[in-house]
Amino acid sequence: MERGACLGPDVICYNQDMVCLKEHTTVSQYAYLCTAGHETDKINSAEDGLITAGITLERGAWVGTRAFIGMGVVVGENAIVGANAGVYKDVEANTIVGGNPAKVIRKR
């Protein structure tokens, strides 16, 4: 977590892998940052199928309340993830996304 990064109240960081918050990033209340999942070709058990990938929020990124950020996602510089969005793919810099799955709303 770099200078000026902020996690709001009740954010869940399921950090089985690295979560990197660059300068001046904001993660609003009740957001969920999830760095792990299960392989879909295997039966889930305690010993089998867990996969992980880190999450990076680039400088100035903002994640809205109750948003879900999935494993391996990079939220680009100055991007905004709308409230309640489900993000499963990278978000380009200076882009606003929303919905589930998240789609581009507009450029900043």
N, C-alpha and C. Protein backbone atom coordinates (compact mmCIF):
# COMPACT_ATOMS: atom_id res chain seq x y z
N MET A 1 0.86 -1.16 0.00
CA MET A 1 0.00 0.00 0.00
C MET A 1 0.90 1.22 0.00
N GLU A 2 0.79 2.03 -1.04
CA GLU A 2 1.65 3.20 -1.17
C GLU A 2 1.00 4.45 -0.59
N ARG A 3 1.74 5.53 -0.60
CA ARG A 3 1.31 6.81 -0.02
C ARG A 3 -0.04 7.24 -0.59
N GLY A 4 -0.94 7.60 0.31
CA GLY A 4 -2.23 8.12 -0.08
C GLY A 4 -3.25 7.07 -0.47
N ALA A 5 -2.91 5.79 -0.38
CA ALA A 5 -3.87 4.72 -0.68
C ALA A 5 -4.81 4.56 0.50
N CYS A 6 -6.07 4.20 0.20
CA CYS A 6 -7.08 4.15 1.25
C CYS A 6 -8.00 2.95 1.05
N LEU A 7 -8.21 2.18 2.13
CA LEU A 7 -9.21 1.12 2.15
C LEU A 7 -10.35 1.61 3.04
N GLY A 8 -11.56 1.64 2.50
CA GLY A 8 -12.71 2.06 3.28
C GLY A 8 -13.10 1.00 4.29
N PRO A 9 -14.11 1.31 5.13
CA PRO A 9 -14.53 0.35 6.14
C PRO A 9 -15.15 -0.90 5.51
N ASP A 10 -14.89 -2.02 6.15
CA ASP A 10 -15.48 -3.31 5.78
C ASP A 10 -15.11 -3.80 4.38
N VAL A 11 -13.96 -3.36 3.86
CA VAL A 11 -13.42 -3.92 2.61
C VAL A 11 -12.89 -5.31 2.94
N ILE A 12 -13.15 -6.26 2.04
CA ILE A 12 -12.61 -7.61 2.21
C ILE A 12 -11.50 -7.80 1.19
N CYS A 13 -10.31 -8.11 1.68
CA CYS A 13 -9.17 -8.45 0.83
C CYS A 13 -8.87 -9.92 1.03
N TYR A 14 -9.32 -10.75 0.12
CA TYR A 14 -9.01 -12.17 0.18
C TYR A 14 -7.68 -12.34 -0.52
N ASN A 15 -6.61 -12.10 0.23
CA ASN A 15 -5.28 -11.99 -0.36
C ASN A 15 -4.48 -13.28 -0.23
N GLN A 16 -4.89 -14.26 -1.01
CA GLN A 16 -4.09 -15.47 -1.17
C GLN A 16 -2.89 -15.18 -2.07
N ASP A 17 -2.93 -14.04 -2.75
CA ASP A 17 -1.84 -13.55 -3.60
C ASP A 17 -1.70 -12.06 -3.29
N MET A 18 -0.77 -11.39 -3.93
CA MET A 18 -0.48 -9.98 -3.66
C MET A 18 -1.63 -9.06 -4.09
N VAL A 19 -1.97 -8.11 -3.23
CA VAL A 19 -2.86 -7.00 -3.57
C VAL A 19 -2.00 -5.75 -3.49
N CYS A 20 -1.87 -5.04 -4.61
CA CYS A 20 -0.99 -3.87 -4.68
C CYS A 20 -1.83 -2.62 -4.91
N LEU A 21 -1.78 -1.70 -3.96
CA LEU A 21 -2.49 -0.43 -4.07
C LEU A 21 -1.44 0.66 -4.27
N LYS A 22 -1.41 1.23 -5.47
CA LYS A 22 -0.44 2.29 -5.77
C LYS A 22 -0.90 3.61 -5.16
N GLU A 23 -0.11 4.66 -5.38
CA GLU A 23 -0.40 5.97 -4.79
C GLU A 23 -1.80 6.47 -5.12
N HIS A 24 -2.44 7.02 -4.10
CA HIS A 24 -3.72 7.73 -4.22
C HIS A 24 -4.85 6.86 -4.77
N THR A 25 -4.82 5.57 -4.45
CA THR A 25 -5.94 4.71 -4.82
C THR A 25 -6.95 4.70 -3.68
N THR A 26 -8.21 4.48 -4.04
CA THR A 26 -9.27 4.41 -3.05
C THR A 26 -10.11 3.16 -3.31
N VAL A 27 -10.33 2.39 -2.26
CA VAL A 27 -11.24 1.25 -2.31
C VAL A 27 -12.35 1.56 -1.33
N SER A 28 -13.55 1.77 -1.86
CA SER A 28 -14.68 2.19 -1.03
C SER A 28 -15.24 1.05 -0.19
N GLN A 29 -16.09 1.41 0.76
CA GLN A 29 -16.64 0.48 1.73
C GLN A 29 -17.30 -0.74 1.07
N TYR A 30 -17.14 -1.86 1.73
CA TYR A 30 -17.76 -3.15 1.36
C TYR A 30 -17.27 -3.74 0.04
N ALA A 31 -16.24 -3.16 -0.56
CA ALA A 31 -15.70 -3.76 -1.79
C ALA A 31 -15.03 -5.09 -1.45
N TYR A 32 -14.87 -5.93 -2.46
CA TYR A 32 -14.28 -7.26 -2.26
C TYR A 32 -13.17 -7.44 -3.29
N LEU A 33 -11.94 -7.61 -2.81
CA LEU A 33 -10.78 -7.86 -3.66
C LEU A 33 -10.41 -9.33 -3.49
N CYS A 34 -10.59 -10.13 -4.53
CA CYS A 34 -10.47 -11.59 -4.42
C CYS A 34 -9.35 -12.12 -5.32
N THR A 35 -8.28 -12.61 -4.71
CA THR A 35 -7.11 -13.06 -5.47
C THR A 35 -7.05 -14.57 -5.68
N ALA A 36 -8.11 -15.29 -5.36
CA ALA A 36 -8.08 -16.75 -5.51
C ALA A 36 -9.41 -17.28 -6.03
N GLY A 37 -9.34 -18.45 -6.64
CA GLY A 37 -10.52 -19.13 -7.13
C GLY A 37 -10.19 -20.61 -7.29
N HIS A 38 -11.02 -21.31 -8.01
CA HIS A 38 -10.81 -22.74 -8.22
C HIS A 38 -10.81 -23.05 -9.71
N GLU A 39 -9.99 -24.01 -10.09
CA GLU A 39 -10.00 -24.49 -11.47
C GLU A 39 -11.36 -25.10 -11.75
N THR A 40 -11.93 -24.78 -12.89
CA THR A 40 -13.26 -25.29 -13.20
C THR A 40 -13.25 -26.68 -13.79
N ASP A 41 -12.07 -27.17 -14.16
CA ASP A 41 -11.97 -28.52 -14.71
C ASP A 41 -11.71 -29.57 -13.65
N LYS A 42 -11.58 -29.16 -12.39
CA LYS A 42 -11.30 -30.09 -11.30
C LYS A 42 -12.42 -30.00 -10.27
N ILE A 43 -12.61 -31.07 -9.53
CA ILE A 43 -13.56 -31.06 -8.43
C ILE A 43 -12.93 -30.28 -7.28
N ASN A 44 -13.67 -29.33 -6.73
CA ASN A 44 -13.13 -28.51 -5.64
C ASN A 44 -13.03 -29.32 -4.36
N SER A 45 -11.86 -29.28 -3.77
CA SER A 45 -11.65 -29.87 -2.46
C SER A 45 -10.55 -29.07 -1.77
N ALA A 46 -10.30 -29.38 -0.52
CA ALA A 46 -9.28 -28.65 0.22
C ALA A 46 -7.89 -28.84 -0.38
N GLU A 47 -7.65 -29.94 -1.06
CA GLU A 47 -6.32 -30.24 -1.59
C GLU A 47 -6.18 -30.01 -3.09
N ASP A 48 -7.23 -29.66 -3.79
CA ASP A 48 -7.19 -29.70 -5.25
C ASP A 48 -7.83 -28.47 -5.88
N GLY A 49 -7.14 -27.87 -6.83
CA GLY A 49 -7.78 -26.91 -7.71
C GLY A 49 -7.71 -25.45 -7.35
N LEU A 50 -7.07 -25.04 -6.25
CA LEU A 50 -6.99 -23.62 -5.91
C LEU A 50 -6.00 -22.93 -6.84
N ILE A 51 -6.42 -21.79 -7.40
CA ILE A 51 -5.54 -20.98 -8.23
C ILE A 51 -5.54 -19.55 -7.68
N THR A 52 -4.43 -18.84 -7.88
CA THR A 52 -4.33 -17.47 -7.37
C THR A 52 -3.69 -16.56 -8.42
N ALA A 53 -4.00 -15.29 -8.31
CA ALA A 53 -3.36 -14.26 -9.13
C ALA A 53 -3.58 -12.92 -8.43
N GLY A 54 -2.56 -12.09 -8.39
CA GLY A 54 -2.62 -10.82 -7.69
C GLY A 54 -3.54 -9.80 -8.35
N ILE A 55 -3.83 -8.76 -7.59
CA ILE A 55 -4.64 -7.62 -8.06
C ILE A 55 -3.78 -6.37 -7.90
N THR A 56 -3.82 -5.50 -8.92
CA THR A 56 -3.10 -4.22 -8.84
C THR A 56 -4.06 -3.09 -9.16
N LEU A 57 -4.07 -2.09 -8.28
CA LEU A 57 -4.78 -0.85 -8.55
C LEU A 57 -3.73 0.20 -8.82
N GLU A 58 -3.66 0.67 -10.06
CA GLU A 58 -2.66 1.66 -10.45
C GLU A 58 -2.98 3.02 -9.85
N ARG A 59 -2.02 3.92 -9.93
CA ARG A 59 -2.10 5.25 -9.32
C ARG A 59 -3.44 5.94 -9.65
N GLY A 60 -4.10 6.41 -8.60
CA GLY A 60 -5.32 7.20 -8.76
C GLY A 60 -6.58 6.40 -9.06
N ALA A 61 -6.50 5.07 -9.08
CA ALA A 61 -7.69 4.25 -9.34
C ALA A 61 -8.66 4.35 -8.17
N TRP A 62 -9.94 4.18 -8.49
CA TRP A 62 -10.98 4.29 -7.48
C TRP A 62 -11.95 3.14 -7.69
N VAL A 63 -12.17 2.35 -6.64
CA VAL A 63 -13.11 1.23 -6.67
C VAL A 63 -14.32 1.62 -5.83
N GLY A 64 -15.50 1.61 -6.44
CA GLY A 64 -16.73 2.03 -5.76
C GLY A 64 -17.23 1.01 -4.75
N THR A 65 -18.19 1.45 -3.96
CA THR A 65 -18.75 0.62 -2.90
C THR A 65 -19.34 -0.68 -3.44
N ARG A 66 -19.10 -1.75 -2.73
CA ARG A 66 -19.61 -3.10 -3.01
C ARG A 66 -19.14 -3.68 -4.34
N ALA A 67 -18.13 -3.09 -4.95
CA ALA A 67 -17.59 -3.66 -6.19
C ALA A 67 -16.80 -4.93 -5.89
N PHE A 68 -16.75 -5.83 -6.86
CA PHE A 68 -15.97 -7.06 -6.77
C PHE A 68 -14.86 -6.98 -7.79
N ILE A 69 -13.60 -7.15 -7.34
CA ILE A 69 -12.45 -7.18 -8.24
C ILE A 69 -11.90 -8.61 -8.19
N GLY A 70 -11.89 -9.28 -9.33
CA GLY A 70 -11.46 -10.66 -9.40
C GLY A 70 -9.96 -10.82 -9.52
N MET A 71 -9.53 -12.07 -9.38
CA MET A 71 -8.11 -12.39 -9.40
C MET A 71 -7.45 -12.03 -10.71
N GLY A 72 -6.21 -11.53 -10.61
CA GLY A 72 -5.42 -11.19 -11.78
C GLY A 72 -5.75 -9.87 -12.44
N VAL A 73 -6.69 -9.12 -11.90
CA VAL A 73 -7.15 -7.87 -12.53
C VAL A 73 -6.19 -6.73 -12.21
N VAL A 74 -5.94 -5.89 -13.23
CA VAL A 74 -5.24 -4.63 -13.06
C VAL A 74 -6.24 -3.52 -13.37
N VAL A 75 -6.47 -2.63 -12.41
CA VAL A 75 -7.30 -1.45 -12.63
C VAL A 75 -6.34 -0.32 -12.95
N GLY A 76 -6.43 0.21 -14.17
CA GLY A 76 -5.47 1.17 -14.68
C GLY A 76 -5.47 2.51 -13.98
N GLU A 77 -4.45 3.28 -14.27
CA GLU A 77 -4.26 4.60 -13.67
C GLU A 77 -5.48 5.48 -13.90
N ASN A 78 -5.97 6.09 -12.83
CA ASN A 78 -7.11 7.01 -12.82
C ASN A 78 -8.41 6.40 -13.31
N ALA A 79 -8.50 5.07 -13.35
CA ALA A 79 -9.75 4.40 -13.73
C ALA A 79 -10.72 4.41 -12.55
N ILE A 80 -12.01 4.30 -12.87
CA ILE A 80 -13.05 4.24 -11.85
C ILE A 80 -13.88 2.98 -12.08
N VAL A 81 -14.06 2.21 -11.01
CA VAL A 81 -14.94 1.05 -11.03
C VAL A 81 -16.20 1.45 -10.27
N GLY A 82 -17.34 1.42 -10.94
CA GLY A 82 -18.59 1.86 -10.35
C GLY A 82 -19.06 0.97 -9.22
N ALA A 83 -19.96 1.51 -8.41
CA ALA A 83 -20.55 0.77 -7.30
C ALA A 83 -21.21 -0.50 -7.80
N ASN A 84 -21.04 -1.58 -7.06
CA ASN A 84 -21.64 -2.89 -7.34
C ASN A 84 -21.14 -3.56 -8.61
N ALA A 85 -20.10 -3.03 -9.22
CA ALA A 85 -19.56 -3.63 -10.46
C ALA A 85 -18.86 -4.95 -10.16
N GLY A 86 -18.87 -5.83 -11.14
CA GLY A 86 -18.13 -7.09 -11.07
C GLY A 86 -17.03 -7.05 -12.12
N VAL A 87 -15.77 -6.93 -11.69
CA VAL A 87 -14.65 -6.76 -12.62
C VAL A 87 -13.83 -8.04 -12.69
N TYR A 88 -13.80 -8.65 -13.88
CA TYR A 88 -13.12 -9.92 -14.09
C TYR A 88 -12.00 -9.81 -15.12
N LYS A 89 -11.88 -8.63 -15.76
CA LYS A 89 -10.83 -8.36 -16.75
C LYS A 89 -10.21 -7.01 -16.42
N ASP A 90 -9.01 -6.78 -16.94
CA ASP A 90 -8.33 -5.51 -16.69
C ASP A 90 -9.17 -4.32 -17.13
N VAL A 91 -8.99 -3.21 -16.42
CA VAL A 91 -9.65 -1.95 -16.75
C VAL A 91 -8.57 -1.00 -17.24
N GLU A 92 -8.74 -0.45 -18.43
CA GLU A 92 -7.74 0.45 -18.99
C GLU A 92 -7.67 1.75 -18.19
N ALA A 93 -6.52 2.41 -18.28
CA ALA A 93 -6.32 3.70 -17.63
C ALA A 93 -7.38 4.69 -18.10
N ASN A 94 -7.77 5.59 -17.21
CA ASN A 94 -8.70 6.69 -17.52
C ASN A 94 -10.03 6.20 -18.08
N THR A 95 -10.50 5.05 -17.60
CA THR A 95 -11.76 4.47 -18.06
C THR A 95 -12.69 4.28 -16.88
N ILE A 96 -13.98 4.51 -17.09
CA ILE A 96 -15.00 4.26 -16.08
C ILE A 96 -15.77 3.03 -16.50
N VAL A 97 -15.87 2.04 -15.60
CA VAL A 97 -16.62 0.82 -15.88
C VAL A 97 -17.70 0.63 -14.84
N GLY A 98 -18.75 -0.11 -15.22
CA GLY A 98 -19.82 -0.42 -14.28
C GLY A 98 -20.60 -1.62 -14.77
N GLY A 99 -21.40 -2.19 -13.88
CA GLY A 99 -22.23 -3.34 -14.20
C GLY A 99 -21.56 -4.65 -13.82
N ASN A 100 -22.28 -5.75 -14.09
CA ASN A 100 -21.76 -7.07 -13.77
C ASN A 100 -22.17 -8.05 -14.87
N PRO A 101 -21.20 -8.44 -15.72
CA PRO A 101 -19.80 -8.07 -15.68
C PRO A 101 -19.60 -6.61 -16.10
N ALA A 102 -18.54 -6.01 -15.57
CA ALA A 102 -18.27 -4.59 -15.84
C ALA A 102 -18.02 -4.34 -17.31
N LYS A 103 -18.60 -3.26 -17.79
CA LYS A 103 -18.41 -2.81 -19.17
C LYS A 103 -18.01 -1.33 -19.15
N VAL A 104 -17.35 -0.90 -20.21
CA VAL A 104 -16.93 0.49 -20.30
C VAL A 104 -18.15 1.40 -20.38
N ILE A 105 -18.19 2.40 -19.52
CA ILE A 105 -19.23 3.42 -19.57
C ILE A 105 -18.75 4.60 -20.38
N ARG A 106 -17.52 5.04 -20.09
CA ARG A 106 -16.92 6.13 -20.88
C ARG A 106 -15.47 6.30 -20.47
N LYS A 107 -14.75 7.12 -21.24
CA LYS A 107 -13.37 7.50 -20.91
C LYS A 107 -13.42 8.78 -20.09
N ARG A 108 -12.38 8.95 -19.26
CA ARG A 108 -12.28 10.18 -18.46
C ARG A 108 -11.53 11.24 -19.25
